[in-house]
Amino acid sequence: MSITKQEKAKLIKEFAKDKKDTGSTKIQIAVLTTRIKNLTEHLKLRKKDFDCELSLVKMVNRRKKLLAYLKRKDETGYSELIKKLGLRK
């Protein structure tokens, strides 16, 4: 359900601005997107896992807020991130 350290490190490396960047908005959105995809697959198998479903809703809302913030601050970065992650087709 959650992501491994290696997956998270790979996402940080891919979306980081520089070597010290570990928590920028783009990285947070990428990590949340990966976690959301994993939870979605989990919920397809276990439809009655309501705690997990609540966590999924919270993550989706957090990602939605971060995407709105990124769109306000950096519209080109927002559109690039959407394309890379495959959101909003």
C-alpha atoms as a PDB file:
ATOM      1  CA  MET A   1       0.000   0.000   0.000  1.00  0.00           C
ATOM      2  CA  SER A   2       2.733   2.475   0.810  1.00  0.00           C
ATOM      3  CA  ILE A   3       5.805   3.099  -1.276  1.00  0.00           C
ATOM      4  CA  THR A   4       9.292   1.819  -0.555  1.00  0.00           C
ATOM      5  CA  LYS A   5      12.286   3.992   0.235  1.00  0.00           C
ATOM      6  CA  GLN A   6      13.765   3.200  -3.160  1.00  0.00           C
ATOM      7  CA  GLU A   7      10.614   4.301  -4.999  1.00  0.00           C
ATOM      8  CA  LYS A   8      10.461   7.501  -2.977  1.00  0.00           C
ATOM      9  CA  ALA A   9      14.150   8.224  -3.595  1.00  0.00           C
ATOM     10  CA  LYS A  10      13.598   7.672  -7.312  1.00  0.00           C
ATOM     11  CA  LEU A  11      10.693  10.147  -7.327  1.00  0.00           C
ATOM     12  CA  ILE A  12      12.728  12.706  -5.384  1.00  0.00           C
ATOM     13  CA  LYS A  13      15.603  12.349  -7.829  1.00  0.00           C
ATOM     14  CA  GLU A  14      13.276  12.751 -10.824  1.00  0.00           C
ATOM     15  CA  PHE A  15      11.317  15.793  -9.610  1.00  0.00           C
ATOM     16  CA  ALA A  16      13.887  17.622  -7.440  1.00  0.00           C
ATOM     17  CA  LYS A  17      15.154  21.084  -8.354  1.00  0.00           C
ATOM     18  CA  ASP A  18      18.589  20.368  -6.911  1.00  0.00           C
ATOM     19  CA  LYS A  19      20.347  17.783  -4.719  1.00  0.00           C
ATOM     20  CA  LYS A  20      19.080  19.225  -1.425  1.00  0.00           C
ATOM     21  CA  ASP A  21      15.442  19.455  -2.539  1.00  0.00           C
ATOM     22  CA  THR A  22      13.430  16.740  -0.808  1.00  0.00           C
ATOM     23  CA  GLY A  23      10.044  18.298  -0.104  1.00  0.00           C
ATOM     24  CA  SER A  24       9.061  20.716  -2.826  1.00  0.00           C
ATOM     25  CA  THR A  25       5.503  20.815  -4.081  1.00  0.00           C
ATOM     26  CA  LYS A  26       6.276  18.773  -7.186  1.00  0.00           C
ATOM     27  CA  ILE A  27       7.874  15.998  -5.131  1.00  0.00           C
ATOM     28  CA  GLN A  28       4.971  15.931  -2.683  1.00  0.00           C
ATOM     29  CA  ILE A  29       2.487  15.638  -5.545  1.00  0.00           C
ATOM     30  CA  ALA A  30       4.494  12.855  -7.211  1.00  0.00           C
ATOM     31  CA  VAL A  31       4.739  10.853  -3.977  1.00  0.00           C
ATOM     32  CA  LEU A  32       1.043  11.328  -3.247  1.00  0.00           C
ATOM     33  CA  THR A  33       0.147  10.238  -6.774  1.00  0.00           C
ATOM     34  CA  THR A  34       2.142   7.028  -6.370  1.00  0.00           C
ATOM     35  CA  ARG A  35       0.525   6.327  -3.003  1.00  0.00           C
ATOM     36  CA  ILE A  36      -2.937   7.032  -4.434  1.00  0.00           C
ATOM     37  CA  LYS A  37      -2.355   4.579  -7.280  1.00  0.00           C
ATOM     38  CA  ASN A  38      -1.233   1.899  -4.809  1.00  0.00           C
ATOM     39  CA  LEU A  39      -4.243   2.448  -2.537  1.00  0.00           C
ATOM     40  CA  THR A  40      -6.602   2.360  -5.496  1.00  0.00           C
ATOM     41  CA  GLU A  41      -5.280  -1.067  -6.473  1.00  0.00           C
ATOM     42  CA  HIS A  42      -5.593  -2.226  -2.858  1.00  0.00           C
ATOM     43  CA  LEU A  43      -9.207  -1.064  -2.664  1.00  0.00           C
ATOM     44  CA  LYS A  44     -10.108  -2.878  -5.877  1.00  0.00           C
ATOM     45  CA  LEU A  45      -9.308  -6.133  -4.083  1.00  0.00           C
ATOM     46  CA  ARG A  46     -10.654  -5.196  -0.651  1.00  0.00           C
ATOM     47  CA  LYS A  47     -13.855  -3.218  -1.113  1.00  0.00           C
ATOM     48  CA  LYS A  48     -14.753  -3.130   2.594  1.00  0.00           C
ATOM     49  CA  ASP A  49     -11.507  -1.575   3.843  1.00  0.00           C
ATOM     50  CA  PHE A  50     -13.132   1.671   4.919  1.00  0.00           C
ATOM     51  CA  ASP A  51     -10.136   3.010   6.861  1.00  0.00           C
ATOM     52  CA  CYS A  52      -8.046   2.739   3.733  1.00  0.00           C
ATOM     53  CA  GLU A  53     -10.791   4.409   1.723  1.00  0.00           C
ATOM     54  CA  LEU A  54     -10.821   7.351   4.127  1.00  0.00           C
ATOM     55  CA  SER A  55      -7.043   7.656   3.821  1.00  0.00           C
ATOM     56  CA  LEU A  56      -7.384   7.642   0.045  1.00  0.00           C
ATOM     57  CA  VAL A  57      -9.914  10.483   0.121  1.00  0.00           C
ATOM     58  CA  LYS A  58      -7.631  12.525   2.390  1.00  0.00           C
ATOM     59  CA  MET A  59      -4.668  11.979   0.056  1.00  0.00           C
ATOM     60  CA  VAL A  60      -6.670  12.942  -3.014  1.00  0.00           C
ATOM     61  CA  ASN A  61      -7.802  16.157  -1.309  1.00  0.00           C
ATOM     62  CA  ARG A  62      -4.269  16.996  -0.197  1.00  0.00           C
ATOM     63  CA  ARG A  63      -2.983  16.439  -3.739  1.00  0.00           C
ATOM     64  CA  LYS A  64      -5.792  18.585  -5.117  1.00  0.00           C
ATOM     65  CA  LYS A  65      -4.791  21.469  -2.832  1.00  0.00           C
ATOM     66  CA  LEU A  66      -1.117  21.103  -3.728  1.00  0.00           C
ATOM     67  CA  LEU A  67      -1.957  21.078  -7.440  1.00  0.00           C
ATOM     68  CA  ALA A  68      -4.024  24.256  -7.039  1.00  0.00           C
ATOM     69  CA  TYR A  69      -1.121  25.903  -5.205  1.00  0.00           C
ATOM     70  CA  LEU A  70       1.351  24.862  -7.895  1.00  0.00           C
ATOM     71  CA  LYS A  71      -0.947  26.121 -10.632  1.00  0.00           C
ATOM     72  CA  ARG A  72      -1.144  29.536  -8.923  1.00  0.00           C
ATOM     73  CA  LYS A  73       2.613  29.812  -8.380  1.00  0.00           C
ATOM     74  CA  ASP A  74       4.120  28.106 -11.448  1.00  0.00           C
ATOM     75  CA  GLU A  75       1.753  27.395 -14.320  1.00  0.00           C
ATOM     76  CA  THR A  76       4.396  25.953 -16.661  1.00  0.00           C
ATOM     77  CA  GLY A  77       5.708  23.648 -13.932  1.00  0.00           C
ATOM     78  CA  TYR A  78       2.124  22.604 -13.240  1.00  0.00           C
ATOM     79  CA  SER A  79       1.451  21.638 -16.851  1.00  0.00           C
ATOM     80  CA  GLU A  80       4.752  19.725 -17.095  1.00  0.00           C
ATOM     81  CA  LEU A  81       4.001  17.818 -13.900  1.00  0.00           C
ATOM     82  CA  ILE A  82       0.508  16.912 -15.087  1.00  0.00           C
ATOM     83  CA  LYS A  83       1.963  15.469 -18.304  1.00  0.00           C
ATOM     84  CA  LYS A  84       4.695  13.502 -16.502  1.00  0.00           C
ATOM     85  CA  LEU A  85       2.304  11.976 -13.980  1.00  0.00           C
ATOM     86  CA  GLY A  86      -0.483  11.354 -16.461  1.00  0.00           C
ATOM     87  CA  LEU A  87      -3.156  13.286 -14.573  1.00  0.00           C
ATOM     88  CA  ARG A  88      -6.172  15.067 -16.045  1.00  0.00           C
ATOM     89  CA  LYS A  89      -6.279  13.554 -19.483  1.00  0.00           C
END
